[in-house]
Amino acid sequence: VNYSGFDCRSELQAPYEAVLARLQARHYLSIKRFSGRAFTRHKIGHSIGLREGELFTLEELQRIVSQRRGLTVNPGDVESLFRRHKNDVGLLPRDRLKLILELLV
């Protein structure tokens, strides 16, 4: 369900939620709700096979960016983004990698 711009009158909320619960129980293994940007980051991470909690070096980021089709990026830009988003031990957390890839698209 796309909730962008969605508004439900208060008297219809409970019946609507009941219908969604029945649909979920019958047709889905799970449901996740994302904002638009969070959904994009999730899809990017899934498309490159990221696992929760992974950390990346600059070299790994450069390799991932180079493997993305249709993405031509100046290596200096990749390094600058890495420096800006790395953690205290000099590694890039998974959520930051997804953000960088989203910024580069």
PDB file of N, CA and C in Angstrom:
ATOM      1  N   VAL A   1       0.853  -1.169   0.000  1.00  0.00           N
ATOM      2  CA  VAL A   1       0.000   0.000   0.000  1.00  0.00           C
ATOM      3  C   VAL A   1       0.897   1.230   0.000  1.00  0.00           C
ATOM      4  N   ASN A   2       0.647   2.134  -0.884  1.00  0.00           N
ATOM      5  CA  ASN A   2       1.386   3.376  -0.925  1.00  0.00           C
ATOM      6  C   ASN A   2       0.635   4.392  -0.066  1.00  0.00           C
ATOM      7  N   TYR A   3       1.243   4.800   1.038  1.00  0.00           N
ATOM      8  CA  TYR A   3       0.592   5.725   1.965  1.00  0.00           C
ATOM      9  C   TYR A   3       0.928   7.183   1.684  1.00  0.00           C
ATOM     10  N   SER A   4       1.635   7.456   0.603  1.00  0.00           N
ATOM     11  CA  SER A   4       1.988   8.826   0.270  1.00  0.00           C
ATOM     12  C   SER A   4       0.713   9.615  -0.026  1.00  0.00           C
ATOM     13  N   GLY A   5       0.458  10.637   0.761  1.00  0.00           N
ATOM     14  CA  GLY A   5      -0.734  11.452   0.600  1.00  0.00           C
ATOM     15  C   GLY A   5      -2.008  10.768   1.062  1.00  0.00           C
ATOM     16  N   PHE A   6      -1.872   9.673   1.777  1.00  0.00           N
ATOM     17  CA  PHE A   6      -3.014   8.881   2.234  1.00  0.00           C
ATOM     18  C   PHE A   6      -3.645   9.527   3.459  1.00  0.00           C
ATOM     19  N   ASP A   7      -4.966   9.576   3.463  1.00  0.00           N
ATOM     20  CA  ASP A   7      -5.696  10.099   4.611  1.00  0.00           C
ATOM     21  C   ASP A   7      -6.920   9.215   4.815  1.00  0.00           C
ATOM     22  N   CYS A   8      -7.093   8.747   6.020  1.00  0.00           N
ATOM     23  CA  CYS A   8      -8.214   7.854   6.329  1.00  0.00           C
ATOM     24  C   CYS A   8      -9.032   8.487   7.457  1.00  0.00           C
ATOM     25  N   ARG A   9     -10.329   8.631   7.229  1.00  0.00           N
ATOM     26  CA  ARG A   9     -11.186   9.183   8.278  1.00  0.00           C
ATOM     27  C   ARG A   9     -11.111   8.288   9.501  1.00  0.00           C
ATOM     28  N   SER A  10     -11.172   8.866  10.666  1.00  0.00           N
ATOM     29  CA  SER A  10     -10.990   8.117  11.913  1.00  0.00           C
ATOM     30  C   SER A  10     -11.993   6.976  12.068  1.00  0.00           C
ATOM     31  N   GLU A  11     -13.244   7.159  11.616  1.00  0.00           N
ATOM     32  CA  GLU A  11     -14.236   6.090  11.761  1.00  0.00           C
ATOM     33  C   GLU A  11     -13.982   4.913  10.811  1.00  0.00           C
ATOM     34  N   LEU A  12     -13.108   5.121   9.814  1.00  0.00           N
ATOM     35  CA  LEU A  12     -12.788   4.040   8.870  1.00  0.00           C
ATOM     36  C   LEU A  12     -11.458   3.352   9.184  1.00  0.00           C
ATOM     37  N   GLN A  13     -10.703   3.875  10.132  1.00  0.00           N
ATOM     38  CA  GLN A  13      -9.385   3.316  10.425  1.00  0.00           C
ATOM     39  C   GLN A  13      -9.449   1.860  10.879  1.00  0.00           C
ATOM     40  N   ALA A  14     -10.302   1.540  11.837  1.00  0.00           N
ATOM     41  CA  ALA A  14     -10.377   0.172  12.353  1.00  0.00           C
ATOM     42  C   ALA A  14     -10.805  -0.817  11.266  1.00  0.00           C
ATOM     43  N   PRO A  15     -11.871  -0.534  10.483  1.00  0.00           N
ATOM     44  CA  PRO A  15     -12.227  -1.479   9.414  1.00  0.00           C
ATOM     45  C   PRO A  15     -11.115  -1.625   8.361  1.00  0.00           C
ATOM     46  N   TYR A  16     -10.456  -0.516   8.040  1.00  0.00           N
ATOM     47  CA  TYR A  16      -9.356  -0.563   7.062  1.00  0.00           C
ATOM     48  C   TYR A  16      -8.222  -1.441   7.578  1.00  0.00           C
ATOM     49  N   GLU A  17      -7.834  -1.260   8.829  1.00  0.00           N
ATOM     50  CA  GLU A  17      -6.770  -2.066   9.414  1.00  0.00           C
ATOM     51  C   GLU A  17      -7.152  -3.546   9.469  1.00  0.00           C
ATOM     52  N   ALA A  18      -8.432  -3.838   9.708  1.00  0.00           N
ATOM     53  CA  ALA A  18      -8.897  -5.231   9.733  1.00  0.00           C
ATOM     54  C   ALA A  18      -8.772  -5.876   8.351  1.00  0.00           C
ATOM     55  N   VAL A  19      -9.115  -5.130   7.315  1.00  0.00           N
ATOM     56  CA  VAL A  19      -8.983  -5.646   5.949  1.00  0.00           C
ATOM     57  C   VAL A  19      -7.509  -5.911   5.642  1.00  0.00           C
ATOM     58  N   LEU A  20      -6.651  -4.975   5.996  1.00  0.00           N
ATOM     59  CA  LEU A  20      -5.216  -5.170   5.752  1.00  0.00           C
ATOM     60  C   LEU A  20      -4.683  -6.370   6.519  1.00  0.00           C
ATOM     61  N   ALA A  21      -5.125  -6.566   7.745  1.00  0.00           N
ATOM     62  CA  ALA A  21      -4.672  -7.713   8.537  1.00  0.00           C
ATOM     63  C   ALA A  21      -5.081  -9.026   7.878  1.00  0.00           C
ATOM     64  N   ARG A  22      -6.309  -9.081   7.344  1.00  0.00           N
ATOM     65  CA  ARG A  22      -6.764 -10.302   6.656  1.00  0.00           C
ATOM     66  C   ARG A  22      -5.950 -10.547   5.389  1.00  0.00           C
ATOM     67  N   LEU A  23      -5.693  -9.486   4.635  1.00  0.00           N
ATOM     68  CA  LEU A  23      -4.871  -9.620   3.427  1.00  0.00           C
ATOM     69  C   LEU A  23      -3.463 -10.113   3.774  1.00  0.00           C
ATOM     70  N   GLN A  24      -2.892  -9.535   4.819  1.00  0.00           N
ATOM     71  CA  GLN A  24      -1.553  -9.938   5.228  1.00  0.00           C
ATOM     72  C   GLN A  24      -1.531 -11.405   5.643  1.00  0.00           C
ATOM     73  N   ALA A  25      -2.489 -11.814   6.448  1.00  0.00           N
ATOM     74  CA  ALA A  25      -2.525 -13.200   6.924  1.00  0.00           C
ATOM     75  C   ALA A  25      -2.698 -14.185   5.769  1.00  0.00           C
ATOM     76  N   ARG A  26      -3.455 -13.800   4.780  1.00  0.00           N
ATOM     77  CA  ARG A  26      -3.775 -14.712   3.684  1.00  0.00           C
ATOM     78  C   ARG A  26      -2.718 -14.722   2.576  1.00  0.00           C
ATOM     79  N   HIS A  27      -2.082 -13.581   2.292  1.00  0.00           N
ATOM     80  CA  HIS A  27      -1.275 -13.469   1.080  1.00  0.00           C
ATOM     81  C   HIS A  27       0.202 -13.104   1.277  1.00  0.00           C
ATOM     82  N   TYR A  28       0.600 -12.688   2.458  1.00  0.00           N
ATOM     83  CA  TYR A  28       1.958 -12.194   2.621  1.00  0.00           C
ATOM     84  C   TYR A  28       2.695 -12.911   3.736  1.00  0.00           C
ATOM     85  N   LEU A  29       4.017 -13.053   3.555  1.00  0.00           N
ATOM     86  CA  LEU A  29       4.856 -13.584   4.622  1.00  0.00           C
ATOM     87  C   LEU A  29       5.174 -12.504   5.635  1.00  0.00           C
ATOM     88  N   SER A  30       5.348 -11.270   5.144  1.00  0.00           N
ATOM     89  CA  SER A  30       5.617 -10.144   6.033  1.00  0.00           C
ATOM     90  C   SER A  30       5.285  -8.849   5.305  1.00  0.00           C
ATOM     91  N   ILE A  31       5.189  -7.796   6.085  1.00  0.00           N
ATOM     92  CA  ILE A  31       4.945  -6.461   5.540  1.00  0.00           C
ATOM     93  C   ILE A  31       5.921  -5.514   6.202  1.00  0.00           C
ATOM     94  N   LYS A  32       6.520  -4.648   5.391  1.00  0.00           N
ATOM     95  CA  LYS A  32       7.408  -3.611   5.908  1.00  0.00           C
ATOM     96  C   LYS A  32       6.875  -2.277   5.426  1.00  0.00           C
ATOM     97  N   ARG A  33       6.952  -1.296   6.286  1.00  0.00           N
ATOM     98  CA  ARG A  33       6.520   0.040   5.910  1.00  0.00           C
ATOM     99  C   ARG A  33       7.745   0.939   5.878  1.00  0.00           C
ATOM    100  N   PHE A  34       7.896   1.666   4.764  1.00  0.00           N
ATOM    101  CA  PHE A  34       9.039   2.548   4.565  1.00  0.00           C
ATOM    102  C   PHE A  34       8.554   3.907   4.098  1.00  0.00           C
ATOM    103  N   SER A  35       9.329   4.927   4.415  1.00  0.00           N
ATOM    104  CA  SER A  35       9.122   6.200   3.728  1.00  0.00           C
ATOM    105  C   SER A  35       9.713   6.021   2.328  1.00  0.00           C
ATOM    106  N   GLY A  36       9.489   6.951   1.450  1.00  0.00           N
ATOM    107  CA  GLY A  36      10.022   6.834   0.087  1.00  0.00           C
ATOM    108  C   GLY A  36      11.529   6.676   0.041  1.00  0.00           C
ATOM    109  N   ARG A  37      12.250   7.506   0.779  1.00  0.00           N
ATOM    110  CA  ARG A  37      13.719   7.431   0.780  1.00  0.00           C
ATOM    111  C   ARG A  37      14.196   6.150   1.446  1.00  0.00           C
ATOM    112  N   ALA A  38      13.554   5.740   2.520  1.00  0.00           N
ATOM    113  CA  ALA A  38      13.963   4.508   3.194  1.00  0.00           C
ATOM    114  C   ALA A  38      13.747   3.306   2.281  1.00  0.00           C
ATOM    115  N   PHE A  39      12.660   3.319   1.512  1.00  0.00           N
ATOM    116  CA  PHE A  39      12.398   2.225   0.584  1.00  0.00           C
ATOM    117  C   PHE A  39      13.494   2.167  -0.476  1.00  0.00           C
ATOM    118  N   THR A  40      13.883   3.310  -1.004  1.00  0.00           N
ATOM    119  CA  THR A  40      14.951   3.354  -2.002  1.00  0.00           C
ATOM    120  C   THR A  40      16.244   2.814  -1.421  1.00  0.00           C
ATOM    121  N   ARG A  41      16.591   3.216  -0.199  1.00  0.00           N
ATOM    122  CA  ARG A  41      17.818   2.708   0.433  1.00  0.00           C
ATOM    123  C   ARG A  41      17.729   1.201   0.643  1.00  0.00           C
ATOM    124  N   HIS A  42      16.567   0.700   1.047  1.00  0.00           N
ATOM    125  CA  HIS A  42      16.381  -0.736   1.238  1.00  0.00           C
ATOM    126  C   HIS A  42      16.593  -1.482  -0.079  1.00  0.00           C
ATOM    127  N   LYS A  43      16.002  -0.993  -1.165  1.00  0.00           N
ATOM    128  CA  LYS A  43      16.133  -1.653  -2.466  1.00  0.00           C
ATOM    129  C   LYS A  43      17.574  -1.617  -2.955  1.00  0.00           C
ATOM    130  N   ILE A  44      18.267  -0.509  -2.758  1.00  0.00           N
ATOM    131  CA  ILE A  44      19.673  -0.435  -3.167  1.00  0.00           C
ATOM    132  C   ILE A  44      20.485  -1.456  -2.403  1.00  0.00           C
ATOM    133  N   GLY A  45      20.295  -1.513  -1.099  1.00  0.00           N
ATOM    134  CA  GLY A  45      21.034  -2.482  -0.287  1.00  0.00           C
ATOM    135  C   GLY A  45      20.740  -3.902  -0.698  1.00  0.00           C
ATOM    136  N   HIS A  46      19.489  -4.211  -0.958  1.00  0.00           N
ATOM    137  CA  HIS A  46      19.105  -5.561  -1.376  1.00  0.00           C
ATOM    138  C   HIS A  46      19.723  -5.894  -2.726  1.00  0.00           C
ATOM    139  N   SER A  47      19.751  -4.941  -3.650  1.00  0.00           N
ATOM    140  CA  SER A  47      20.241  -5.199  -5.000  1.00  0.00           C
ATOM    141  C   SER A  47      21.734  -5.493  -5.035  1.00  0.00           C
ATOM    142  N   ILE A  48      22.497  -5.009  -4.047  1.00  0.00           N
ATOM    143  CA  ILE A  48      23.930  -5.299  -4.034  1.00  0.00           C
ATOM    144  C   ILE A  48      24.287  -6.322  -2.964  1.00  0.00           C
ATOM    145  N   GLY A  49      23.286  -6.958  -2.374  1.00  0.00           N
ATOM    146  CA  GLY A  49      23.525  -8.066  -1.453  1.00  0.00           C
ATOM    147  C   GLY A  49      24.116  -7.682  -0.113  1.00  0.00           C
ATOM    148  N   LEU A  50      23.705  -6.553   0.439  1.00  0.00           N
ATOM    149  CA  LEU A  50      24.220  -6.133   1.735  1.00  0.00           C
ATOM    150  C   LEU A  50      23.539  -6.871   2.866  1.00  0.00           C
ATOM    151  N   ARG A  51      24.286  -7.147   3.914  1.00  0.00           N
ATOM    152  CA  ARG A  51      23.717  -7.746   5.115  1.00  0.00           C
ATOM    153  C   ARG A  51      23.735  -6.706   6.224  1.00  0.00           C
ATOM    154  N   GLU A  52      22.816  -6.847   7.150  1.00  0.00           N
ATOM    155  CA  GLU A  52      22.703  -5.935   8.293  1.00  0.00           C
ATOM    156  C   GLU A  52      24.021  -5.880   9.052  1.00  0.00           C
ATOM    157  N   GLY A  53      24.447  -4.693   9.444  1.00  0.00           N
ATOM    158  CA  GLY A  53      25.618  -4.532  10.292  1.00  0.00           C
ATOM    159  C   GLY A  53      26.954  -4.546   9.577  1.00  0.00           C
ATOM    160  N   GLU A  54      26.984  -4.649   8.257  1.00  0.00           N
ATOM    161  CA  GLU A  54      28.254  -4.691   7.548  1.00  0.00           C
ATOM    162  C   GLU A  54      28.939  -3.325   7.594  1.00  0.00           C
ATOM    163  N   LEU A  55      30.263  -3.365   7.558  1.00  0.00           N
ATOM    164  CA  LEU A  55      31.079  -2.164   7.492  1.00  0.00           C
ATOM    165  C   LEU A  55      31.964  -2.259   6.253  1.00  0.00           C
ATOM    166  N   PHE A  56      32.232  -1.122   5.614  1.00  0.00           N
ATOM    167  CA  PHE A  56      32.941  -1.115   4.348  1.00  0.00           C
ATOM    168  C   PHE A  56      34.140  -0.175   4.377  1.00  0.00           C
ATOM    169  N   THR A  57      35.208  -0.591   3.697  1.00  0.00           N
ATOM    170  CA  THR A  57      36.384   0.259   3.529  1.00  0.00           C
ATOM    171  C   THR A  57      36.162   1.136   2.298  1.00  0.00           C
ATOM    172  N   LEU A  58      37.043   2.111   2.111  1.00  0.00           N
ATOM    173  CA  LEU A  58      36.976   2.961   0.929  1.00  0.00           C
ATOM    174  C   LEU A  58      37.109   2.107  -0.336  1.00  0.00           C
ATOM    175  N   GLU A  59      38.015   1.144  -0.320  1.00  0.00           N
ATOM    176  CA  GLU A  59      38.229   0.293  -1.488  1.00  0.00           C
ATOM    177  C   GLU A  59      36.970  -0.517  -1.822  1.00  0.00           C
ATOM    178  N   GLU A  60      36.285  -1.001  -0.790  1.00  0.00           N
ATOM    179  CA  GLU A  60      35.050  -1.747  -1.033  1.00  0.00           C
ATOM    180  C   GLU A  60      33.977  -0.840  -1.618  1.00  0.00           C
ATOM    181  N   LEU A  61      33.885   0.385  -1.108  1.00  0.00           N
ATOM    182  CA  LEU A  61      32.922   1.341  -1.654  1.00  0.00           C
ATOM    183  C   LEU A  61      33.232   1.614  -3.121  1.00  0.00           C
ATOM    184  N   GLN A  62      34.505   1.825  -3.438  1.00  0.00           N
ATOM    185  CA  GLN A  62      34.889   2.097  -4.825  1.00  0.00           C
ATOM    186  C   GLN A  62      34.544   0.915  -5.734  1.00  0.00           C
ATOM    187  N   ARG A  63      34.754  -0.316  -5.239  1.00  0.00           N
ATOM    188  CA  ARG A  63      34.428  -1.508  -6.030  1.00  0.00           C
ATOM    189  C   ARG A  63      32.916  -1.592  -6.258  1.00  0.00           C
ATOM    190  N   ILE A  64      32.131  -1.362  -5.224  1.00  0.00           N
ATOM    191  CA  ILE A  64      30.673  -1.428  -5.344  1.00  0.00           C
ATOM    192  C   ILE A  64      30.169  -0.386  -6.331  1.00  0.00           C
ATOM    193  N   VAL A  65      30.695   0.830  -6.230  1.00  0.00           N
ATOM    194  CA  VAL A  65      30.275   1.901  -7.142  1.00  0.00           C
ATOM    195  C   VAL A  65      30.671   1.553  -8.575  1.00  0.00           C
ATOM    196  N   SER A  66      31.861   1.000  -8.775  1.00  0.00           N
ATOM    197  CA  SER A  66      32.307   0.670 -10.134  1.00  0.00           C
ATOM    198  C   SER A  66      31.476  -0.440 -10.756  1.00  0.00           C
ATOM    199  N   GLN A  67      30.862  -1.278  -9.936  1.00  0.00           N
ATOM    200  CA  GLN A  67      30.053  -2.386 -10.446  1.00  0.00           C
ATOM    201  C   GLN A  67      28.616  -1.978 -10.761  1.00  0.00           C
ATOM    202  N   ARG A  68      28.219  -0.790 -10.363  1.00  0.00           N
ATOM    203  CA  ARG A  68      26.847  -0.336 -10.617  1.00  0.00           C
ATOM    204  C   ARG A  68      26.720   0.089 -12.075  1.00  0.00           C
ATOM    205  N   ARG A  69      25.839  -0.541 -12.808  1.00  0.00           N
ATOM    206  CA  ARG A  69      25.638  -0.193 -14.216  1.00  0.00           C
ATOM    207  C   ARG A  69      25.055   1.198 -14.351  1.00  0.00           C
ATOM    208  N   GLY A  70      25.536   1.912 -15.355  1.00  0.00           N
ATOM    209  CA  GLY A  70      25.008   3.238 -15.634  1.00  0.00           C
ATOM    210  C   GLY A  70      25.439   4.306 -14.653  1.00  0.00           C
ATOM    211  N   LEU A  71      26.408   3.983 -13.807  1.00  0.00           N
ATOM    212  CA  LEU A  71      26.857   4.932 -12.799  1.00  0.00           C
ATOM    213  C   LEU A  71      28.314   5.292 -13.099  1.00  0.00           C
ATOM    214  N   THR A  72      28.528   6.498 -13.571  1.00  0.00           N
ATOM    215  CA  THR A  72      29.888   6.960 -13.813  1.00  0.00           C
ATOM    216  C   THR A  72      30.164   8.086 -12.829  1.00  0.00           C
ATOM    217  N   VAL A  73      31.095   7.832 -11.937  1.00  0.00           N
ATOM    218  CA  VAL A  73      31.363   8.758 -10.848  1.00  0.00           C
ATOM    219  C   VAL A  73      32.858   9.016 -10.765  1.00  0.00           C
ATOM    220  N   ASN A  74      33.205  10.252 -10.520  1.00  0.00           N
ATOM    221  CA  ASN A  74      34.598  10.627 -10.299  1.00  0.00           C
ATOM    222  C   ASN A  74      35.094   9.948  -9.025  1.00  0.00           C
ATOM    223  N   PRO A  75      36.230   9.214  -9.075  1.00  0.00           N
ATOM    224  CA  PRO A  75      36.745   8.557  -7.865  1.00  0.00           C
ATOM    225  C   PRO A  75      36.954   9.525  -6.700  1.00  0.00           C
ATOM    226  N   GLY A  76      37.292  10.782  -6.994  1.00  0.00           N
ATOM    227  CA  GLY A  76      37.457  11.778  -5.937  1.00  0.00           C
ATOM    228  C   GLY A  76      36.149  12.051  -5.211  1.00  0.00           C
ATOM    229  N   ASP A  77      35.041  12.010  -5.946  1.00  0.00           N
ATOM    230  CA  ASP A  77      33.728  12.206  -5.324  1.00  0.00           C
ATOM    231  C   ASP A  77      33.398  11.052  -4.385  1.00  0.00           C
ATOM    232  N   VAL A  78      33.730   9.831  -4.802  1.00  0.00           N
ATOM    233  CA  VAL A  78      33.486   8.657  -3.964  1.00  0.00           C
ATOM    234  C   VAL A  78      34.307   8.772  -2.677  1.00  0.00           C
ATOM    235  N   GLU A  79      35.567   9.154  -2.821  1.00  0.00           N
ATOM    236  CA  GLU A  79      36.433   9.292  -1.642  1.00  0.00           C
ATOM    237  C   GLU A  79      35.929  10.396  -0.714  1.00  0.00           C
ATOM    238  N   SER A  80      35.482  11.495  -1.281  1.00  0.00           N
ATOM    239  CA  SER A  80      34.959  12.593  -0.473  1.00  0.00           C
ATOM    240  C   SER A  80      33.714  12.159   0.303  1.00  0.00           C
ATOM    241  N   LEU A  81      32.814  11.443  -0.357  1.00  0.00           N
ATOM    242  CA  LEU A  81      31.615  10.948   0.316  1.00  0.00           C
ATOM    243  C   LEU A  81      31.974   9.951   1.409  1.00  0.00           C
ATOM    244  N   PHE A  82      32.964   9.098   1.143  1.00  0.00           N
ATOM    245  CA  PHE A  82      33.400   8.128   2.150  1.00  0.00           C
ATOM    246  C   PHE A  82      33.923   8.853   3.388  1.00  0.00           C
ATOM    247  N   ARG A  83      34.791   9.837   3.190  1.00  0.00           N
ATOM    248  CA  ARG A  83      35.367  10.587   4.328  1.00  0.00           C
ATOM    249  C   ARG A  83      34.268  11.269   5.138  1.00  0.00           C
ATOM    250  N   ARG A  84      33.258  11.772   4.460  1.00  0.00           N
ATOM    251  CA  ARG A  84      32.180  12.495   5.138  1.00  0.00           C
ATOM    252  C   ARG A  84      31.281  11.561   5.957  1.00  0.00           C
ATOM    253  N   HIS A  85      31.138  10.308   5.530  1.00  0.00           N
ATOM    254  CA  HIS A  85      30.158   9.406   6.148  1.00  0.00           C
ATOM    255  C   HIS A  85      30.763   8.247   6.942  1.00  0.00           C
ATOM    256  N   LYS A  86      32.081   8.130   6.984  1.00  0.00           N
ATOM    257  CA  LYS A  86      32.683   7.000   7.712  1.00  0.00           C
ATOM    258  C   LYS A  86      32.483   7.161   9.215  1.00  0.00           C
ATOM    259  N   ASN A  87      32.633   6.053   9.944  1.00  0.00           N
ATOM    260  CA  ASN A  87      32.470   6.096  11.398  1.00  0.00           C
ATOM    261  C   ASN A  87      33.803   6.411  12.076  1.00  0.00           C
ATOM    262  N   ASP A  88      33.841   6.336  13.393  1.00  0.00           N
ATOM    263  CA  ASP A  88      35.038   6.707  14.157  1.00  0.00           C
ATOM    264  C   ASP A  88      36.255   5.831  13.875  1.00  0.00           C
ATOM    265  N   VAL A  89      36.035   4.598  13.428  1.00  0.00           N
ATOM    266  CA  VAL A  89      37.175   3.713  13.146  1.00  0.00           C
ATOM    267  C   VAL A  89      37.503   3.668  11.657  1.00  0.00           C
ATOM    268  N   GLY A  90      36.938   4.585  10.888  1.00  0.00           N
ATOM    269  CA  GLY A  90      37.298   4.710   9.483  1.00  0.00           C
ATOM    270  C   GLY A  90      36.609   3.724   8.553  1.00  0.00           C
ATOM    271  N   LEU A  91      35.480   3.203   8.985  1.00  0.00           N
ATOM    272  CA  LEU A  91      34.713   2.299   8.132  1.00  0.00           C
ATOM    273  C   LEU A  91      33.342   2.887   7.865  1.00  0.00           C
ATOM    274  N   LEU A  92      32.755   2.450   6.775  1.00  0.00           N
ATOM    275  CA  LEU A  92      31.465   2.978   6.353  1.00  0.00           C
ATOM    276  C   LEU A  92      30.361   2.008   6.751  1.00  0.00           C
ATOM    277  N   PRO A  93      29.448   2.418   7.649  1.00  0.00           N
ATOM    278  CA  PRO A  93      28.329   1.541   8.011  1.00  0.00           C
ATOM    279  C   PRO A  93      27.398   1.323   6.825  1.00  0.00           C
ATOM    280  N   ARG A  94      26.697   0.219   6.864  1.00  0.00           N
ATOM    281  CA  ARG A  94      25.794  -0.178   5.783  1.00  0.00           C
ATOM    282  C   ARG A  94      24.783   0.905   5.434  1.00  0.00           C
ATOM    283  N   ASP A  95      24.159   1.533   6.433  1.00  0.00           N
ATOM    284  CA  ASP A  95      23.140   2.546   6.133  1.00  0.00           C
ATOM    285  C   ASP A  95      23.743   3.749   5.426  1.00  0.00           C
ATOM    286  N   ARG A  96      24.984   4.076   5.750  1.00  0.00           N
ATOM    287  CA  ARG A  96      25.658   5.188   5.070  1.00  0.00           C
ATOM    288  C   ARG A  96      26.014   4.824   3.627  1.00  0.00           C
ATOM    289  N   LEU A  97      26.407   3.556   3.407  1.00  0.00           N
ATOM    290  CA  LEU A  97      26.696   3.103   2.050  1.00  0.00           C
ATOM    291  C   LEU A  97      25.453   3.243   1.183  1.00  0.00           C
ATOM    292  N   LYS A  98      24.325   2.820   1.705  1.00  0.00           N
ATOM    293  CA  LYS A  98      23.086   2.918   0.941  1.00  0.00           C
ATOM    294  C   LYS A  98      22.751   4.373   0.633  1.00  0.00           C
ATOM    295  N   LEU A  99      22.989   5.249   1.600  1.00  0.00           N
ATOM    296  CA  LEU A  99      22.742   6.674   1.363  1.00  0.00           C
ATOM    297  C   LEU A  99      23.646   7.208   0.261  1.00  0.00           C
ATOM    298  N   ILE A 100      24.918   6.849   0.303  1.00  0.00           N
ATOM    299  CA  ILE A 100      25.859   7.304  -0.739  1.00  0.00           C
ATOM    300  C   ILE A 100      25.428   6.809  -2.114  1.00  0.00           C
ATOM    301  N   LEU A 101      25.058   5.531  -2.204  1.00  0.00           N
ATOM    302  CA  LEU A 101      24.631   5.001  -3.490  1.00  0.00           C
ATOM    303  C   LEU A 101      23.382   5.717  -3.992  1.00  0.00           C
ATOM    304  N   GLU A 102      22.502   6.063  -3.081  1.00  0.00           N
ATOM    305  CA  GLU A 102      21.304   6.804  -3.455  1.00  0.00           C
ATOM    306  C   GLU A 102      21.675   8.197  -3.957  1.00  0.00           C
ATOM    307  N   LEU A 103      22.636   8.831  -3.310  1.00  0.00           N
ATOM    308  CA  LEU A 103      23.066  10.166  -3.717  1.00  0.00           C
ATOM    309  C   LEU A 103      23.717  10.158  -5.102  1.00  0.00           C
ATOM    310  N   LEU A 104      24.376   9.044  -5.423  1.00  0.00           N
ATOM    311  CA  LEU A 104      25.095   8.951  -6.694  1.00  0.00           C
ATOM    312  C   LEU A 104      24.210   8.588  -7.871  1.00  0.00           C
ATOM    313  N   VAL A 105      22.994   8.123  -7.598  1.00  0.00           N
ATOM    314  CA  VAL A 105      22.096   7.699  -8.695  1.00  0.00           C
ATOM    315  C   VAL A 105      21.572   8.896  -9.434  1.00  0.00           C
TER     316      VAL A 105
END
